[in-house]
Amino acid sequence: MPVLGFIGAGPVGTTFAVRLSEQGYRVAAVADISAAAAARFAERVPGCRVCPQNQAVLAAADTVFITTADDFIAPVCSGLTWRPGQTAVHCSGASTVQSLEAARRQGALVGSIHPCQSFSGIAQAIQNLPGSTFGIEAEEPVRSTLTDMARALKGEIVYLSSEDKVLYHAAAAIACNYVTTLVKLATDLWQNFGKNSADGVKAYMPLLRGTLNNMETVGFPGCLTGPIARGDAATVGRHLAALEKYAPDLLPLYRELGRFTVPIGQAKGSLASAKASEILKLLSP
C-alpha cells in the first residue's frame, strides 16, 4: 500500500484519512493553513504527524491528497516540488485532473477520487463514507490505486473522463443539495399553520426515508407517489391555490417540478393521457 499524505484537513481529507487508516493504509503526514485543523486531523489518525509546510508532506508520502477547497487545488499543487513517480490526488467532484497539471509536468502521476456523499461535518462524514459511490478520474496505474481504496471503503465505483466531471457533479448537486433546499422550503410552509420548521423536519424524515427506500427497492418510475402519479388534478389545483395565497414565490417552482413529474407518472402507467393534459394545463403559468 502507498504511504499517504494530506494537504487540507477539512471534512473530506479527514474522513478519507480516518477510514483509509482503518483499512491498513499508513497516513504519514498532514498540513493545513489552520494549525488547529491539522492537529485535530492527526489526533484522529494514528501515526500521522503535522507538518508546518505543505512541502514536508510530499517528503513523507508516496501519494499526496490535496483536499483543499476546489479553487485552491491548482495553486497548492503548482507551489510544490513533486518527485517523478509520486502521485498527486484530489477529491473534487467538479474539478478535473487538469488542476494537477503542475505535478504531472514534474513527472508525478495524477488522479482524482470523488466520494458521492454529503460532508456536513466530520463525524457524520466518517460514518457515511463507507458504501458510497466513488467517481474516479485517472489513468493506470493510478486508476488501480484509487480503485483499491474505493473497494477498501466498500464503495461502488464509476470511472469518469475529464469531460464527464462537471455534469456528474451538477447531477449530484441536484440529487443532494437541491433536495435539502426543497425540504427547507417545504418545512418553512409549516409556519403558515402555527408550527415551525423543526416540526416539519420531524414529520418528513420518515416520509423521506420511505421515499429513498422506494427509489432503491422499486426504482423509477414505480417509486413515484402523490397526486400527479394518481392523476388527481383537483388536488394539484388546490395546492396551487394554497401556494398562491400563502407562498406565491413558490408557485413557479411548484409548477416547474410538476411539469417534470408528469412524464414519470405516465411512464409508471398510473397517469392517463387525459389527466396528464389536464394537470399540465393547471401547471401552466
C-alpha atoms as a PDB file:
ATOM      1  CA  MET A   1       0.000   0.000   0.000  1.00  0.00           C
ATOM      2  CA  PRO A   2       1.228   3.527  -0.723  1.00  0.00           C
ATOM      3  CA  VAL A   3       2.103   5.833   2.162  1.00  0.00           C
ATOM      4  CA  LEU A   4      -0.428   8.670   2.204  1.00  0.00           C
ATOM      5  CA  GLY A   5      -0.184  12.355   2.988  1.00  0.00           C
ATOM      6  CA  PHE A   6      -2.865  15.043   3.077  1.00  0.00           C
ATOM      7  CA  ILE A   7      -2.735  18.758   2.358  1.00  0.00           C
ATOM      8  CA  GLY A   8      -6.042  20.064   3.697  1.00  0.00           C
ATOM      9  CA  ALA A   9      -7.532  18.883   6.985  1.00  0.00           C
ATOM     10  CA  GLY A  10     -11.203  19.633   6.418  1.00  0.00           C
ATOM     11  CA  PRO A  11     -14.069  17.117   6.482  1.00  0.00           C
ATOM     12  CA  VAL A  12     -13.189  15.394   3.189  1.00  0.00           C
ATOM     13  CA  GLY A  13      -9.493  14.927   3.881  1.00  0.00           C
ATOM     14  CA  THR A  14     -10.038  13.909   7.487  1.00  0.00           C
ATOM     15  CA  THR A  15     -12.739  11.413   6.554  1.00  0.00           C
ATOM     16  CA  PHE A  16     -10.621   9.758   3.859  1.00  0.00           C
ATOM     17  CA  ALA A  17      -7.620   9.614   6.180  1.00  0.00           C
ATOM     18  CA  VAL A  18      -9.540   8.095   9.087  1.00  0.00           C
ATOM     19  CA  ARG A  19     -11.291   5.457   7.012  1.00  0.00           C
ATOM     20  CA  LEU A  20      -8.242   4.506   4.924  1.00  0.00           C
ATOM     21  CA  SER A  21      -6.118   4.297   8.053  1.00  0.00           C
ATOM     22  CA  GLU A  22      -8.669   1.847   9.471  1.00  0.00           C
ATOM     23  CA  GLN A  23      -8.196  -0.280   6.358  1.00  0.00           C
ATOM     24  CA  GLY A  24      -4.444  -0.558   6.847  1.00  0.00           C
ATOM     25  CA  TYR A  25      -3.191   2.433   4.854  1.00  0.00           C
ATOM     26  CA  ARG A  26      -0.432   4.392   6.560  1.00  0.00           C
ATOM     27  CA  VAL A  27      -1.235   8.114   6.724  1.00  0.00           C
ATOM     28  CA  ALA A  28       2.122   9.680   7.488  1.00  0.00           C
ATOM     29  CA  ALA A  29       1.578  13.433   7.385  1.00  0.00           C
ATOM     30  CA  VAL A  30      -0.880  16.294   7.174  1.00  0.00           C
ATOM     31  CA  ALA A  31      -0.603  20.039   6.618  1.00  0.00           C
ATOM     32  CA  ASP A  32      -3.234  22.737   6.705  1.00  0.00           C
ATOM     33  CA  ILE A  33      -3.347  26.507   6.780  1.00  0.00           C
ATOM     34  CA  SER A  34      -5.079  26.056  10.157  1.00  0.00           C
ATOM     35  CA  ALA A  35      -2.765  24.516  12.734  1.00  0.00           C
ATOM     36  CA  ALA A  36      -5.775  23.597  14.871  1.00  0.00           C
ATOM     37  CA  ALA A  37      -7.426  21.711  11.994  1.00  0.00           C
ATOM     38  CA  ALA A  38      -4.213  19.821  11.267  1.00  0.00           C
ATOM     39  CA  ALA A  39      -3.879  18.900  14.939  1.00  0.00           C
ATOM     40  CA  ARG A  40      -7.459  17.586  15.066  1.00  0.00           C
ATOM     41  CA  PHE A  41      -6.774  15.562  11.923  1.00  0.00           C
ATOM     42  CA  ALA A  42      -3.618  13.998  13.417  1.00  0.00           C
ATOM     43  CA  GLU A  43      -5.421  13.149  16.655  1.00  0.00           C
ATOM     44  CA  ARG A  44      -7.895  11.023  14.680  1.00  0.00           C
ATOM     45  CA  VAL A  45      -5.283   9.204  12.588  1.00  0.00           C
ATOM     46  CA  PRO A  46      -2.720   7.035  14.432  1.00  0.00           C
ATOM     47  CA  GLY A  47       0.876   7.660  13.400  1.00  0.00           C
ATOM     48  CA  CYS A  48       0.138  10.854  11.497  1.00  0.00           C
ATOM     49  CA  ARG A  49       2.332  13.891  12.131  1.00  0.00           C
ATOM     50  CA  VAL A  50       1.545  17.529  11.497  1.00  0.00           C
ATOM     51  CA  CYS A  51       3.836  19.259   9.014  1.00  0.00           C
ATOM     52  CA  PRO A  52       4.365  23.017   9.259  1.00  0.00           C
ATOM     53  CA  GLN A  53       4.751  23.330   5.477  1.00  0.00           C
ATOM     54  CA  ASN A  54       2.985  21.617   2.583  1.00  0.00           C
ATOM     55  CA  GLN A  55       6.265  20.511   1.015  1.00  0.00           C
ATOM     56  CA  ALA A  56       7.069  18.403   4.067  1.00  0.00           C
ATOM     57  CA  VAL A  57       4.026  16.250   3.331  1.00  0.00           C
ATOM     58  CA  LEU A  58       5.495  15.351  -0.060  1.00  0.00           C
ATOM     59  CA  ALA A  59       8.744  14.308   1.613  1.00  0.00           C
ATOM     60  CA  ALA A  60       6.831  11.893   3.856  1.00  0.00           C
ATOM     61  CA  ALA A  61       4.347  10.311   1.428  1.00  0.00           C
ATOM     62  CA  ASP A  62       4.123   8.437  -1.860  1.00  0.00           C
ATOM     63  CA  THR A  63       0.556   9.522  -2.598  1.00  0.00           C
ATOM     64  CA  VAL A  64      -0.481  13.032  -1.614  1.00  0.00           C
ATOM     65  CA  PHE A  65      -4.125  14.084  -1.394  1.00  0.00           C
ATOM     66  CA  ILE A  66      -4.800  17.787  -1.937  1.00  0.00           C
ATOM     67  CA  THR A  67      -8.088  18.114  -0.077  1.00  0.00           C
ATOM     68  CA  THR A  68      -8.422  21.873  -0.050  1.00  0.00           C
ATOM     69  CA  ALA A  69     -11.361  23.841  -1.425  1.00  0.00           C
ATOM     70  CA  ASP A  70     -11.611  23.404  -5.202  1.00  0.00           C
ATOM     71  CA  ASP A  71     -10.277  26.864  -6.054  1.00  0.00           C
ATOM     72  CA  PHE A  72      -7.041  26.177  -4.182  1.00  0.00           C
ATOM     73  CA  ILE A  73      -6.176  22.775  -5.648  1.00  0.00           C
ATOM     74  CA  ALA A  74      -4.243  24.092  -8.642  1.00  0.00           C
ATOM     75  CA  PRO A  75      -2.405  26.881  -6.743  1.00  0.00           C
ATOM     76  CA  VAL A  76      -1.382  24.483  -3.957  1.00  0.00           C
ATOM     77  CA  CYS A  77      -0.245  21.875  -6.468  1.00  0.00           C
ATOM     78  CA  SER A  78       1.791  24.340  -8.500  1.00  0.00           C
ATOM     79  CA  GLY A  79       3.562  25.614  -5.401  1.00  0.00           C
ATOM     80  CA  LEU A  80       5.084  22.217  -4.642  1.00  0.00           C
ATOM     81  CA  THR A  81       8.100  20.276  -5.885  1.00  0.00           C
ATOM     82  CA  TRP A  82       6.970  16.787  -6.912  1.00  0.00           C
ATOM     83  CA  ARG A  83       9.110  13.677  -7.316  1.00  0.00           C
ATOM     84  CA  PRO A  84       8.881  11.687 -10.545  1.00  0.00           C
ATOM     85  CA  GLY A  85       6.641   8.696  -9.868  1.00  0.00           C
ATOM     86  CA  GLN A  86       4.937  10.339  -6.881  1.00  0.00           C
ATOM     87  CA  THR A  87       1.134  10.518  -7.045  1.00  0.00           C
ATOM     88  CA  ALA A  88      -0.997  13.645  -6.662  1.00  0.00           C
ATOM     89  CA  VAL A  89      -4.698  13.147  -5.960  1.00  0.00           C
ATOM     90  CA  HIS A  90      -7.639  15.440  -5.317  1.00  0.00           C
ATOM     91  CA  CYS A  91     -11.187  14.646  -4.201  1.00  0.00           C
ATOM     92  CA  SER A  92     -13.171  17.301  -6.061  1.00  0.00           C
ATOM     93  CA  GLY A  93     -16.273  16.297  -7.967  1.00  0.00           C
ATOM     94  CA  ALA A  94     -16.241  19.200 -10.429  1.00  0.00           C
ATOM     95  CA  SER A  95     -12.501  19.787 -10.933  1.00  0.00           C
ATOM     96  CA  THR A  96     -10.658  17.544 -13.367  1.00  0.00           C
ATOM     97  CA  VAL A  97      -7.137  16.162 -13.157  1.00  0.00           C
ATOM     98  CA  GLN A  98      -6.074  19.225 -15.144  1.00  0.00           C
ATOM     99  CA  SER A  99      -5.906  21.073 -11.817  1.00  0.00           C
ATOM    100  CA  LEU A 100      -2.945  18.789 -11.002  1.00  0.00           C
ATOM    101  CA  GLU A 101      -1.099  19.579 -14.233  1.00  0.00           C
ATOM    102  CA  ALA A 102       1.822  21.176 -12.375  1.00  0.00           C
ATOM    103  CA  ALA A 103       2.527  17.839 -10.684  1.00  0.00           C
ATOM    104  CA  ARG A 104       2.214  15.952 -13.967  1.00  0.00           C
ATOM    105  CA  ARG A 105       4.730  18.285 -15.645  1.00  0.00           C
ATOM    106  CA  GLN A 106       7.234  17.389 -12.923  1.00  0.00           C
ATOM    107  CA  GLY A 107       6.823  13.672 -13.562  1.00  0.00           C
ATOM    108  CA  ALA A 108       4.230  12.847 -10.927  1.00  0.00           C
ATOM    109  CA  LEU A 109       1.175  10.689 -11.616  1.00  0.00           C
ATOM    110  CA  VAL A 110      -2.237  12.297 -11.131  1.00  0.00           C
ATOM    111  CA  GLY A 111      -5.806  11.282 -10.418  1.00  0.00           C
ATOM    112  CA  SER A 112      -8.996  12.221  -8.623  1.00  0.00           C
ATOM    113  CA  ILE A 113     -11.419  10.280  -6.468  1.00  0.00           C
ATOM    114  CA  HIS A 114     -14.683  11.949  -5.517  1.00  0.00           C
ATOM    115  CA  PRO A 115     -16.978  10.466  -2.869  1.00  0.00           C
ATOM    116  CA  CYS A 116     -20.608  10.878  -3.871  1.00  0.00           C
ATOM    117  CA  GLN A 117     -21.564  11.710  -0.308  1.00  0.00           C
ATOM    118  CA  SER A 118     -22.622  14.630   1.880  1.00  0.00           C
ATOM    119  CA  PHE A 119     -19.949  16.204   4.119  1.00  0.00           C
ATOM    120  CA  SER A 120     -21.851  18.395   6.561  1.00  0.00           C
ATOM    121  CA  GLY A 121     -19.422  17.608   9.377  1.00  0.00           C
ATOM    122  CA  ILE A 122     -16.504  15.320  10.127  1.00  0.00           C
ATOM    123  CA  ALA A 123     -18.276  12.899  12.487  1.00  0.00           C
ATOM    124  CA  GLN A 124     -21.215  12.421  10.125  1.00  0.00           C
ATOM    125  CA  ALA A 125     -18.946  12.083   7.093  1.00  0.00           C
ATOM    126  CA  ILE A 126     -16.800   9.402   8.743  1.00  0.00           C
ATOM    127  CA  GLN A 127     -19.955   7.444   9.481  1.00  0.00           C
ATOM    128  CA  ASN A 128     -21.400   7.890   5.972  1.00  0.00           C
ATOM    129  CA  LEU A 129     -18.348   7.325   3.749  1.00  0.00           C
ATOM    130  CA  PRO A 130     -18.225   3.502   3.609  1.00  0.00           C
ATOM    131  CA  GLY A 131     -20.528   2.182   0.901  1.00  0.00           C
ATOM    132  CA  SER A 132     -20.555   5.451  -1.059  1.00  0.00           C
ATOM    133  CA  THR A 133     -20.058   5.614  -4.804  1.00  0.00           C
ATOM    134  CA  PHE A 134     -16.647   6.990  -5.810  1.00  0.00           C
ATOM    135  CA  GLY A 135     -16.117   8.843  -9.080  1.00  0.00           C
ATOM    136  CA  ILE A 136     -12.586   8.112 -10.291  1.00  0.00           C
ATOM    137  CA  GLU A 137     -10.728  10.011 -12.998  1.00  0.00           C
ATOM    138  CA  ALA A 138      -7.267   8.597 -13.590  1.00  0.00           C
ATOM    139  CA  GLU A 139      -5.114   6.604 -15.956  1.00  0.00           C
ATOM    140  CA  GLU A 140      -3.213   3.495 -14.919  1.00  0.00           C
ATOM    141  CA  PRO A 141      -1.546   2.814 -12.565  1.00  0.00           C
ATOM    142  CA  VAL A 142      -3.328   5.495 -10.504  1.00  0.00           C
ATOM    143  CA  ARG A 143      -6.750   4.175 -11.554  1.00  0.00           C
ATOM    144  CA  SER A 144      -5.974   0.826  -9.909  1.00  0.00           C
ATOM    145  CA  THR A 145      -4.577   2.521  -6.797  1.00  0.00           C
ATOM    146  CA  LEU A 146      -7.727   4.599  -6.343  1.00  0.00           C
ATOM    147  CA  THR A 147      -9.952   1.636  -7.197  1.00  0.00           C
ATOM    148  CA  ASP A 148      -8.306  -0.357  -4.409  1.00  0.00           C
ATOM    149  CA  MET A 149      -9.017   2.498  -1.997  1.00  0.00           C
ATOM    150  CA  ALA A 150     -12.673   2.684  -3.034  1.00  0.00           C
ATOM    151  CA  ARG A 151     -13.044  -1.076  -2.624  1.00  0.00           C
ATOM    152  CA  ALA A 152     -11.372  -0.929   0.789  1.00  0.00           C
ATOM    153  CA  LEU A 153     -14.099   1.557   1.721  1.00  0.00           C
ATOM    154  CA  LYS A 154     -16.749  -0.910   0.451  1.00  0.00           C
ATOM    155  CA  GLY A 155     -17.728   1.583  -2.219  1.00  0.00           C
ATOM    156  CA  GLU A 156     -19.230   1.421  -5.662  1.00  0.00           C
ATOM    157  CA  ILE A 157     -17.110   2.847  -8.486  1.00  0.00           C
ATOM    158  CA  VAL A 158     -17.833   4.945 -11.571  1.00  0.00           C
ATOM    159  CA  TYR A 159     -14.976   5.817 -13.915  1.00  0.00           C
ATOM    160  CA  LEU A 160     -15.113   9.306 -15.417  1.00  0.00           C
ATOM    161  CA  SER A 161     -13.355  11.327 -18.067  1.00  0.00           C
ATOM    162  CA  SER A 162     -12.496  14.999 -17.702  1.00  0.00           C
ATOM    163  CA  GLU A 163     -15.430  15.774 -19.984  1.00  0.00           C
ATOM    164  CA  ASP A 164     -17.790  13.912 -17.650  1.00  0.00           C
ATOM    165  CA  LYS A 165     -16.842  15.607 -14.413  1.00  0.00           C
ATOM    166  CA  VAL A 166     -18.860  18.829 -14.345  1.00  0.00           C
ATOM    167  CA  LEU A 167     -22.109  17.195 -15.477  1.00  0.00           C
ATOM    168  CA  TYR A 168     -21.535  14.350 -12.997  1.00  0.00           C
ATOM    169  CA  HIS A 169     -21.118  16.911 -10.222  1.00  0.00           C
ATOM    170  CA  ALA A 170     -24.095  19.010 -11.327  1.00  0.00           C
ATOM    171  CA  ALA A 171     -26.246  15.882 -11.189  1.00  0.00           C
ATOM    172  CA  ALA A 172     -25.013  15.166  -7.669  1.00  0.00           C
ATOM    173  CA  ALA A 173     -25.829  18.740  -6.632  1.00  0.00           C
ATOM    174  CA  ILE A 174     -29.388  18.339  -7.903  1.00  0.00           C
ATOM    175  CA  ALA A 175     -29.807  14.995  -6.143  1.00  0.00           C
ATOM    176  CA  CYS A 176     -28.318  16.134  -2.820  1.00  0.00           C
ATOM    177  CA  ASN A 177     -28.096  19.905  -2.367  1.00  0.00           C
ATOM    178  CA  TYR A 178     -31.391  20.765  -4.010  1.00  0.00           C
ATOM    179  CA  VAL A 179     -33.262  18.093  -2.069  1.00  0.00           C
ATOM    180  CA  THR A 180     -32.060  19.947   1.034  1.00  0.00           C
ATOM    181  CA  THR A 181     -33.406  23.184  -0.437  1.00  0.00           C
ATOM    182  CA  LEU A 182     -36.763  21.594  -1.288  1.00  0.00           C
ATOM    183  CA  VAL A 183     -37.210  20.176   2.207  1.00  0.00           C
ATOM    184  CA  LYS A 184     -36.290  23.560   3.713  1.00  0.00           C
ATOM    185  CA  LEU A 185     -38.895  25.292   1.555  1.00  0.00           C
ATOM    186  CA  ALA A 186     -41.487  22.643   2.411  1.00  0.00           C
ATOM    187  CA  THR A 187     -40.925  22.827   6.155  1.00  0.00           C
ATOM    188  CA  ASP A 188     -40.948  26.628   6.126  1.00  0.00           C
ATOM    189  CA  LEU A 189     -44.560  26.406   4.941  1.00  0.00           C
ATOM    190  CA  TRP A 190     -45.484  24.926   8.331  1.00  0.00           C
ATOM    191  CA  GLN A 191     -45.210  28.404   9.823  1.00  0.00           C
ATOM    192  CA  ASN A 192     -48.419  29.252   7.997  1.00  0.00           C
ATOM    193  CA  PHE A 193     -50.430  26.847  10.146  1.00  0.00           C
ATOM    194  CA  GLY A 194     -48.882  27.582  13.530  1.00  0.00           C
ATOM    195  CA  LYS A 195     -45.989  25.117  13.503  1.00  0.00           C
ATOM    196  CA  ASN A 196     -42.273  25.577  12.937  1.00  0.00           C
ATOM    197  CA  SER A 197     -39.720  24.191  10.533  1.00  0.00           C
ATOM    198  CA  ALA A 198     -38.401  21.716  13.110  1.00  0.00           C
ATOM    199  CA  ASP A 199     -41.896  20.195  13.390  1.00  0.00           C
ATOM    200  CA  GLY A 200     -41.892  19.756   9.625  1.00  0.00           C
ATOM    201  CA  VAL A 201     -38.477  18.098   9.585  1.00  0.00           C
ATOM    202  CA  LYS A 202     -39.592  15.646  12.277  1.00  0.00           C
ATOM    203  CA  ALA A 203     -42.727  14.819  10.307  1.00  0.00           C
ATOM    204  CA  TYR A 204     -40.958  14.431   6.978  1.00  0.00           C
ATOM    205  CA  MET A 205     -37.977  12.306   7.988  1.00  0.00           C
ATOM    206  CA  PRO A 206     -39.944   9.017   7.879  1.00  0.00           C
ATOM    207  CA  LEU A 207     -41.523  10.158   4.612  1.00  0.00           C
ATOM    208  CA  LEU A 208     -38.125  10.942   3.105  1.00  0.00           C
ATOM    209  CA  ARG A 209     -36.641   7.653   4.297  1.00  0.00           C
ATOM    210  CA  GLY A 210     -39.585   5.806   2.795  1.00  0.00           C
ATOM    211  CA  THR A 211     -39.183   7.663  -0.478  1.00  0.00           C
ATOM    212  CA  LEU A 212     -35.482   6.854  -0.657  1.00  0.00           C
ATOM    213  CA  ASN A 213     -36.197   3.233   0.173  1.00  0.00           C
ATOM    214  CA  ASN A 214     -38.751   3.104  -2.638  1.00  0.00           C
ATOM    215  CA  MET A 215     -36.241   4.600  -5.072  1.00  0.00           C
ATOM    216  CA  GLU A 216     -33.726   1.928  -4.109  1.00  0.00           C
ATOM    217  CA  THR A 217     -36.031  -1.077  -3.998  1.00  0.00           C
ATOM    218  CA  VAL A 218     -38.768  -0.241  -6.522  1.00  0.00           C
ATOM    219  CA  GLY A 219     -36.840   2.135  -8.803  1.00  0.00           C
ATOM    220  CA  PHE A 220     -38.120   4.644 -11.327  1.00  0.00           C
ATOM    221  CA  PRO A 221     -40.846   5.219 -12.383  1.00  0.00           C
ATOM    222  CA  GLY A 222     -42.632   2.908  -9.937  1.00  0.00           C
ATOM    223  CA  CYS A 223     -41.419   4.741  -6.844  1.00  0.00           C
ATOM    224  CA  LEU A 224     -43.383   7.916  -7.697  1.00  0.00           C
ATOM    225  CA  THR A 225     -46.377   8.560  -5.445  1.00  0.00           C
ATOM    226  CA  GLY A 226     -48.626  11.550  -4.835  1.00  0.00           C
ATOM    227  CA  PRO A 227     -51.354  13.443  -6.668  1.00  0.00           C
ATOM    228  CA  ILE A 228     -49.651  13.649 -10.051  1.00  0.00           C
ATOM    229  CA  ALA A 229     -48.901   9.925 -10.053  1.00  0.00           C
ATOM    230  CA  ARG A 230     -52.578   9.302  -9.218  1.00  0.00           C
ATOM    231  CA  GLY A 231     -53.882  11.789 -11.776  1.00  0.00           C
ATOM    232  CA  ASP A 232     -55.528  13.796  -9.001  1.00  0.00           C
ATOM    233  CA  ALA A 233     -55.918  17.105 -10.840  1.00  0.00           C
ATOM    234  CA  ALA A 234     -58.259  18.551  -8.214  1.00  0.00           C
ATOM    235  CA  THR A 235     -55.614  18.214  -5.513  1.00  0.00           C
ATOM    236  CA  VAL A 236     -52.979  19.819  -7.726  1.00  0.00           C
ATOM    237  CA  GLY A 237     -55.397  22.720  -8.255  1.00  0.00           C
ATOM    238  CA  ARG A 238     -55.889  23.101  -4.507  1.00  0.00           C
ATOM    239  CA  HIS A 239     -52.112  23.074  -3.996  1.00  0.00           C
ATOM    240  CA  LEU A 240     -51.764  25.913  -6.476  1.00  0.00           C
ATOM    241  CA  ALA A 241     -54.478  27.936  -4.785  1.00  0.00           C
ATOM    242  CA  ALA A 242     -52.924  27.482  -1.345  1.00  0.00           C
ATOM    243  CA  LEU A 243     -49.468  28.449  -2.577  1.00  0.00           C
ATOM    244  CA  GLU A 244     -50.853  31.492  -4.348  1.00  0.00           C
ATOM    245  CA  LYS A 245     -52.348  32.627  -1.048  1.00  0.00           C
ATOM    246  CA  TYR A 246     -49.538  31.772   1.361  1.00  0.00           C
ATOM    247  CA  ALA A 247     -46.320  31.429  -0.652  1.00  0.00           C
ATOM    248  CA  PRO A 248     -46.678  32.913  -4.144  1.00  0.00           C
ATOM    249  CA  ASP A 249     -42.911  32.925  -4.622  1.00  0.00           C
ATOM    250  CA  LEU A 250     -43.025  29.104  -4.668  1.00  0.00           C
ATOM    251  CA  LEU A 251     -45.613  28.862  -7.446  1.00  0.00           C
ATOM    252  CA  PRO A 252     -43.097  28.882 -10.342  1.00  0.00           C
ATOM    253  CA  LEU A 253     -41.029  26.173  -8.633  1.00  0.00           C
ATOM    254  CA  TYR A 254     -44.099  24.015  -7.889  1.00  0.00           C
ATOM    255  CA  ARG A 255     -45.284  24.339 -11.474  1.00  0.00           C
ATOM    256  CA  GLU A 256     -41.893  23.526 -12.979  1.00  0.00           C
ATOM    257  CA  LEU A 257     -41.333  20.485 -10.760  1.00  0.00           C
ATOM    258  CA  GLY A 258     -44.858  19.333 -11.525  1.00  0.00           C
ATOM    259  CA  ARG A 259     -44.248  19.519 -15.258  1.00  0.00           C
ATOM    260  CA  PHE A 260     -41.162  17.326 -14.865  1.00  0.00           C
ATOM    261  CA  THR A 261     -43.156  14.903 -12.688  1.00  0.00           C
ATOM    262  CA  VAL A 262     -45.957  14.320 -15.217  1.00  0.00           C
ATOM    263  CA  PRO A 263     -43.890  12.137 -17.592  1.00  0.00           C
ATOM    264  CA  ILE A 264     -42.740   9.996 -14.656  1.00  0.00           C
ATOM    265  CA  GLY A 265     -46.374   9.381 -13.729  1.00  0.00           C
ATOM    266  CA  GLN A 266     -47.156   8.497 -17.337  1.00  0.00           C
ATOM    267  CA  ALA A 267     -44.204   6.107 -17.505  1.00  0.00           C
ATOM    268  CA  LYS A 268     -45.453   4.451 -14.315  1.00  0.00           C
ATOM    269  CA  GLY A 269     -48.768   3.823 -16.035  1.00  0.00           C
ATOM    270  CA  SER A 270     -50.888   5.377 -13.295  1.00  0.00           C
ATOM    271  CA  LEU A 271     -51.393   8.741 -15.028  1.00  0.00           C
ATOM    272  CA  ALA A 272     -53.702   8.584 -18.045  1.00  0.00           C
ATOM    273  CA  SER A 273     -53.070  10.863 -21.014  1.00  0.00           C
ATOM    274  CA  ALA A 274     -56.251  12.887 -20.456  1.00  0.00           C
ATOM    275  CA  LYS A 275     -55.389  13.513 -16.812  1.00  0.00           C
ATOM    276  CA  ALA A 276     -51.813  14.353 -17.768  1.00  0.00           C
ATOM    277  CA  SER A 277     -53.076  17.014 -20.166  1.00  0.00           C
ATOM    278  CA  GLU A 278     -55.420  18.395 -17.501  1.00  0.00           C
ATOM    279  CA  ILE A 279     -52.636  18.630 -14.935  1.00  0.00           C
ATOM    280  CA  LEU A 280     -50.217  20.214 -17.401  1.00  0.00           C
ATOM    281  CA  LYS A 281     -52.849  22.842 -18.198  1.00  0.00           C
ATOM    282  CA  LEU A 282     -53.205  23.601 -14.465  1.00  0.00           C
ATOM    283  CA  LEU A 283     -49.460  23.880 -14.129  1.00  0.00           C
ATOM    284  CA  SER A 284     -49.094  26.344 -16.981  1.00  0.00           C
ATOM    285  CA  PRO A 285     -48.392  29.894 -15.762  1.00  0.00           C
END
